[in-house]
Every structure is written in structure tokens, then in C-alpha cells.
Amino acid sequence: MPLPTIFPVRVLGIVNATPDSFWAGSRFDTVARAVAAGQRMFSDGAWAVDVGGESTRPGAVPVSVEEELDRVVPVVSALAARGRVSVDTRNADVAEAAVEAGATIVNDVSGKLYDVAGRLGVGYIGMHAHTVPVLPDAAPSYVDVCAEVTGYLTSLAEAARADGVRELWLDPGIGFGKNAEDNVRLLRDLPRLCELGIPVALGVSRKSFLGALTGRPVDDRLPASLALLAPALRAGVDLIRVHDVAETVDTIAVLKAVWDL
């Protein structure tokens, strides 16, 4: 079913066309499996699906551009016939090939591909990250993590607009070079980020900081992920990137119906 237009936030389903993403339940390591997963997400109410071919988990080994293309392009091509698709990449060649295959959003963890998105006339999600992939023991020390991330994203938005990006989201990069305390502070500061007037994207699904807060392994972090939906909606987040589309859509429906979030 399509996501009802009354929903205050759009759901972006995660399709990891990789064998090594941080959660085994999201590893779709063949084209057929990745396409089937994306199709299920559309059926479950995803506004769009986000296809990535390189893991950015802590300690991940980068893949070649050729391998990333082989993983991503056929999946994007198949899913673009069903609905809106974004490509999760930090490589310009992959972004361009995915757009040619039908992607209409570049989801960029590096914060460097806004010129590609502007030139191609597609949407752009720009994220704050310290290192990509994340170095396991290299979280920086911030004087004021909220001010630093917001300042970076403000500058990124200005650069993206200057390079022609018209559909833009800013992502604070939860978990990317931040410890659990940093992530909590950024989540509490979401209202200020949303007040910039630029749509905000948020990815918290099953991430390690939720394990630090709950003591749960990644397989058991769905409740913690869903718990963050209410404050995200109240803050004004526009787009939320998740592994568990059906559960997220249902939670949003109840929050909207009962508390009008």
C-alpha cells in the first residue's frame, strides 16, 4: 500500500546489496534478494528505497567502484520501475550510473557529491560523518557536537544549493564518528536542526548506540529504534531511514492517529 499522505514523515527503506552490512538481517547479497527486499518495502509502505553496495559499518573494508556498480545498478534498475529509489554511495561514478538506471536521490555519507546531484537534477541527502567507513576506535572529541554538526550541515546546504540541488535533506549522521553520548545529544537537538528550514533525514535503525543504551544485540534493537520515532516526528524530521519498514509505518500510523504527531 502507498504511504498515506497524512503521515508527517516519509519512510526510506534500507536495501543493502552487500554481504557485510552490520546487521545480518539486512544483507541481501544477490541481485534477486535485494530486489525482492525492496519490493517488499514498497508493499509495506516505504516512500522510497535506498540501495547501497558498500558497507559503512565500523571497520568495513571499502569495495572497488566496479564491484559497487555490479551490486547496485541492476537493483536500482529493477526497483525504479516500482517506485522512487535512492542510491547510497560516496562514489561519483556509482551515483551517476545509478541515476542513469533510474535513481532520483543520491544519499551521500561523504557529504561531497552535491555537485553530482545538482548536475544530474536529482535529490540529495547530505550527511555529517567523521570518517567513512567508520573507524572503530576513532570517534573524535567534540567541544559541542550539536553546534559542530549543525554548522557543518549549514555549510553543506549552502554549497549544495549553489551547485543546483533543489531537493535537499540534511542528515546529522548518527553513529558516524560519534559516541553514544554524542548521539543522544544530537537526537535531543533535532528540533534546532529542523528549525533551519531544510528537510532533515535521520538514520538510527538498529545502530550500535542503541545497544549501548539497552544492552541489546542488533537482532533485538527494533523496539529501541521504534522508540525514537515519536521525538523525531515531534521535532519535525522529514525522512527516516529504516530496516524495518512495516513496523515503522505502523508505529507512525498510531502516533499520528492518537497523538497527532
Protein backbone atom coordinates (compact mmCIF):
# COMPACT_ATOMS: atom_id res chain seq x y z
CA MET A 1 0.00 0.00 0.00
CA PRO A 2 1.23 3.54 -0.60
CA LEU A 3 2.22 5.61 2.42
CA PRO A 4 -0.77 7.80 3.35
CA THR A 5 -0.21 11.45 2.58
CA ILE A 6 -1.32 12.42 6.09
CA PHE A 7 1.87 10.91 7.51
CA PRO A 8 4.19 13.56 8.92
CA VAL A 9 7.37 11.72 7.93
CA ARG A 10 8.49 9.70 4.93
CA VAL A 11 9.99 6.24 5.31
CA LEU A 12 13.10 5.28 3.36
CA GLY A 13 13.70 1.53 3.33
CA ILE A 14 17.29 0.23 3.50
CA VAL A 15 18.34 -2.26 0.82
CA ASN A 16 21.91 -3.33 1.48
CA ALA A 17 23.14 -5.15 -1.63
CA THR A 18 26.14 -6.31 0.38
CA PRO A 19 27.39 -9.39 2.22
CA ASP A 20 28.81 -7.47 5.20
CA SER A 21 26.41 -4.84 6.49
CA PHE A 22 26.32 -4.54 10.29
CA TRP A 23 23.04 -6.46 10.67
CA ALA A 24 22.79 -9.89 9.09
CA GLY A 25 19.06 -9.39 8.60
CA SER A 26 19.71 -6.60 6.11
CA ARG A 27 22.33 -8.33 3.96
CA PHE A 28 20.88 -9.01 0.52
CA ASP A 29 23.94 -10.38 -1.22
CA THR A 30 22.41 -11.23 -4.60
CA VAL A 31 20.53 -9.03 -7.04
CA ALA A 32 17.43 -11.20 -6.74
CA ARG A 33 17.37 -10.99 -2.94
CA ALA A 34 17.96 -7.25 -2.93
CA VAL A 35 15.20 -6.63 -5.48
CA ALA A 36 12.77 -8.83 -3.56
CA ALA A 37 13.58 -6.95 -0.34
CA GLY A 38 12.98 -3.59 -2.00
CA GLN A 39 9.69 -4.73 -3.46
CA ARG A 40 8.54 -5.89 0.00
CA MET A 41 9.44 -2.49 1.41
CA PHE A 42 7.35 -0.71 -1.21
CA SER A 43 4.46 -3.04 -0.40
CA ASP A 44 4.91 -2.30 3.31
CA GLY A 45 4.57 1.44 2.75
CA ALA A 46 8.06 2.80 2.02
CA TRP A 47 8.05 6.17 0.29
CA ALA A 48 11.33 5.18 -1.36
CA VAL A 49 14.07 2.57 -1.03
CA ASP A 50 17.76 3.28 -0.56
CA VAL A 51 20.12 0.90 -2.38
CA GLY A 52 23.72 0.63 -1.24
CA GLY A 53 26.56 -1.60 -2.40
CA GLU A 54 29.27 -0.76 0.13
CA SER A 55 29.02 -1.21 3.88
CA THR A 56 29.95 1.81 6.00
CA ARG A 57 29.83 -0.06 9.32
CA PRO A 58 32.79 0.38 11.71
CA GLY A 59 35.80 -1.40 10.29
CA ALA A 60 34.24 -2.16 6.91
CA VAL A 61 36.61 -2.78 4.01
CA PRO A 62 35.94 -0.47 1.04
CA VAL A 63 34.99 -2.17 -2.23
CA SER A 64 36.08 -1.24 -5.73
CA VAL A 65 33.90 1.02 -7.83
CA GLU A 66 33.41 -1.86 -10.28
CA GLU A 67 32.11 -4.18 -7.57
CA GLU A 68 29.85 -1.49 -6.15
CA LEU A 69 28.41 -0.86 -9.63
CA ASP A 70 27.77 -4.58 -10.13
CA ARG A 71 25.89 -4.74 -6.84
CA VAL A 72 23.88 -1.55 -7.16
CA VAL A 73 22.93 -0.79 -10.76
CA PRO A 74 20.79 -3.87 -11.55
CA VAL A 75 18.93 -3.50 -8.26
CA VAL A 76 18.23 0.18 -8.85
CA SER A 77 17.08 -0.56 -12.40
CA ALA A 78 14.62 -3.21 -11.25
CA LEU A 79 13.23 -1.23 -8.31
CA ALA A 80 12.90 2.07 -10.19
CA ALA A 81 10.03 0.50 -12.12
CA ARG A 82 8.19 0.06 -8.81
CA GLY A 83 8.80 3.36 -7.03
CA ARG A 84 11.27 6.01 -6.04
CA VAL A 85 14.86 4.85 -5.45
CA SER A 86 17.88 6.50 -3.86
CA VAL A 87 21.47 5.30 -4.15
CA ASP A 88 23.57 5.14 -1.00
CA THR A 89 27.12 5.82 -2.17
CA ARG A 90 30.18 8.02 -1.72
CA ASN A 91 31.43 7.43 -5.26
CA ALA A 92 30.56 9.81 -8.09
CA ASP A 93 30.75 7.09 -10.77
CA VAL A 94 28.29 4.92 -8.86
CA ALA A 95 25.95 7.86 -8.26
CA GLU A 96 25.93 8.73 -11.96
CA ALA A 97 25.35 5.13 -13.08
CA ALA A 98 22.55 4.66 -10.54
CA VAL A 99 20.80 7.84 -11.68
CA GLU A 100 21.07 6.65 -15.26
CA ALA A 101 19.48 3.37 -14.11
CA GLY A 102 16.55 5.23 -12.50
CA ALA A 103 17.60 6.53 -9.07
CA THR A 104 16.26 10.00 -8.27
CA ILE A 105 18.12 10.68 -5.00
CA VAL A 106 21.80 10.48 -4.07
CA ASN A 107 22.26 9.55 -0.40
CA ASP A 108 25.81 10.64 0.29
CA VAL A 109 27.55 9.68 3.52
CA SER A 110 30.67 11.59 2.46
CA GLY A 111 28.99 14.99 2.03
CA LYS A 112 30.91 15.51 -1.22
CA LEU A 113 28.58 14.53 -4.07
CA TYR A 114 26.23 17.52 -4.07
CA ASP A 115 27.76 18.73 -7.32
CA VAL A 116 26.85 15.41 -8.96
CA ALA A 117 23.28 15.61 -7.68
CA GLY A 118 22.97 19.22 -8.81
CA ARG A 119 24.32 18.48 -12.27
CA LEU A 120 22.03 15.47 -12.71
CA GLY A 121 18.96 17.25 -11.32
CA VAL A 122 18.20 14.70 -8.58
CA GLY A 123 17.57 14.88 -4.86
CA TYR A 124 20.44 14.88 -2.40
CA ILE A 125 20.84 13.66 1.18
CA GLY A 126 24.00 15.16 2.67
CA MET A 127 25.32 13.67 5.90
CA HIS A 128 27.82 14.64 8.58
CA ALA A 129 30.46 11.98 9.19
CA HIS A 130 33.92 11.98 10.71
CA THR A 131 35.28 9.03 8.72
CA VAL A 132 33.67 6.73 6.15
CA PRO A 133 33.75 3.82 6.70
CA VAL A 134 33.68 4.46 10.43
CA LEU A 135 36.96 3.70 12.17
CA PRO A 136 36.11 1.52 15.21
CA ASP A 137 38.23 3.42 17.73
CA ALA A 138 38.47 6.85 16.15
CA ALA A 139 35.48 8.80 17.44
CA PRO A 140 36.61 12.43 17.69
CA SER A 141 36.20 14.62 20.74
CA TYR A 142 33.72 17.44 20.14
CA VAL A 143 33.63 20.69 22.07
CA ASP A 144 29.92 21.00 21.21
CA VAL A 145 28.78 18.17 18.97
CA CYS A 146 25.43 19.80 18.19
CA ALA A 147 26.94 23.13 17.19
CA GLU A 148 29.67 21.48 15.12
CA VAL A 149 27.31 19.15 13.26
CA THR A 150 24.76 21.90 12.64
CA GLY A 151 27.47 24.26 11.41
CA TYR A 152 28.82 21.64 9.03
CA LEU A 153 25.36 20.84 7.66
CA THR A 154 24.53 24.52 7.22
CA SER A 155 27.66 24.97 5.10
CA LEU A 156 26.88 21.78 3.18
CA ALA A 157 23.39 23.04 2.41
CA GLU A 158 24.74 26.34 1.11
CA ALA A 159 27.22 24.54 -1.15
CA ALA A 160 24.58 22.13 -2.42
CA ARG A 161 22.15 24.93 -3.22
CA ALA A 162 24.90 26.82 -5.01
CA ASP A 163 25.59 23.76 -7.16
CA GLY A 164 21.96 23.44 -8.21
CA VAL A 165 20.46 20.96 -5.74
CA ARG A 166 16.77 21.73 -5.37
CA GLU A 167 15.57 18.70 -3.38
CA LEU A 168 17.75 18.51 -0.29
CA TRP A 169 17.85 16.71 3.05
CA LEU A 170 20.39 17.11 5.85
CA ASP A 171 21.40 14.10 7.96
CA PRO A 172 23.25 14.54 11.29
CA GLY A 173 24.96 11.19 10.77
CA ILE A 174 24.01 9.38 13.95
CA GLY A 175 26.74 6.85 14.72
CA PHE A 176 29.21 8.18 12.15
CA GLY A 177 32.14 9.29 14.30
CA LYS A 178 30.02 9.89 17.40
CA ASN A 179 29.85 8.01 20.67
CA ALA A 180 26.60 7.12 22.43
CA GLU A 181 26.54 10.39 24.39
CA ASP A 182 27.14 12.41 21.23
CA ASN A 183 24.28 10.61 19.50
CA VAL A 184 21.88 11.27 22.37
CA ARG A 185 22.79 14.95 22.36
CA LEU A 186 22.20 15.17 18.61
CA LEU A 187 18.81 13.48 18.94
CA ARG A 188 17.79 15.91 21.68
CA ASP A 189 18.89 18.77 19.42
CA LEU A 190 16.80 17.65 16.43
CA PRO A 191 14.26 20.48 16.87
CA ARG A 192 17.01 23.06 16.37
CA LEU A 193 18.29 21.27 13.27
CA CYS A 194 14.78 21.08 11.85
CA GLU A 195 14.30 24.80 12.51
CA LEU A 196 16.91 25.57 9.84
CA GLY A 197 14.08 25.17 7.34
CA ILE A 198 15.75 22.40 5.33
CA PRO A 199 14.24 18.89 5.46
CA VAL A 200 16.07 16.59 7.86
CA ALA A 201 16.79 12.91 7.25
CA LEU A 202 17.53 10.59 10.15
CA GLY A 203 19.03 7.10 10.33
CA VAL A 204 19.01 5.38 13.72
CA SER A 205 17.74 1.93 12.81
CA ARG A 206 19.33 -0.80 14.97
CA LYS A 207 22.56 1.18 15.40
CA SER A 208 25.21 0.36 17.97
CA PHE A 209 24.44 3.29 20.27
CA LEU A 210 21.04 1.69 20.87
CA GLY A 211 22.91 -1.39 22.01
CA ALA A 212 24.93 0.78 24.37
CA LEU A 213 21.72 2.26 25.80
CA THR A 214 19.80 -1.01 26.12
CA GLY A 215 22.39 -3.77 26.28
CA ARG A 216 20.64 -5.49 23.37
CA PRO A 217 22.34 -7.12 20.37
CA VAL A 218 21.49 -5.85 16.91
CA ASP A 219 18.83 -8.53 16.36
CA ASP A 220 16.88 -7.20 19.36
CA ARG A 221 17.09 -3.43 18.72
CA LEU A 222 13.83 -2.92 16.83
CA PRO A 223 11.89 -1.69 19.91
CA ALA A 224 14.63 0.83 20.68
CA SER A 225 14.61 2.01 17.07
CA LEU A 226 10.84 2.49 17.11
CA ALA A 227 11.04 4.38 20.42
CA LEU A 228 12.88 7.19 18.66
CA LEU A 229 10.08 7.79 16.16
CA ALA A 230 7.94 9.92 18.48
CA PRO A 231 10.63 12.51 19.32
CA ALA A 232 11.77 12.53 15.68
CA LEU A 233 8.26 13.24 14.46
CA ARG A 234 7.69 15.91 17.09
CA ALA A 235 10.96 17.59 16.14
CA GLY A 236 9.88 17.76 12.51
CA VAL A 237 12.10 15.15 10.83
CA ASP A 238 11.02 14.72 7.21
CA LEU A 239 12.65 11.41 6.22
CA ILE A 240 13.59 8.42 8.34
CA ARG A 241 15.79 5.62 7.01
CA VAL A 242 14.96 2.19 8.42
CA HIS A 243 15.48 -1.53 8.02
CA ASP A 244 12.02 -2.46 9.32
CA VAL A 245 9.53 -0.69 7.09
CA ALA A 246 6.26 -2.38 8.10
CA GLU A 247 6.85 -1.89 11.81
CA THR A 248 7.90 1.72 11.29
CA VAL A 249 4.87 2.55 9.15
CA ASP A 250 2.52 1.01 11.73
CA THR A 251 4.16 2.92 14.59
CA ILE A 252 3.89 6.20 12.72
CA ALA A 253 0.23 5.50 11.95
CA VAL A 254 -0.57 5.02 15.64
CA LEU A 255 1.43 8.08 16.73
CA LYS A 256 -0.38 10.17 14.14
CA ALA A 257 -3.84 8.85 14.98
CA VAL A 258 -3.56 9.03 18.76
CA TRP A 259 -1.22 11.95 19.46
CA ASP A 260 -1.31 13.77 16.12
CA LEU A 261 2.49 13.81 15.90
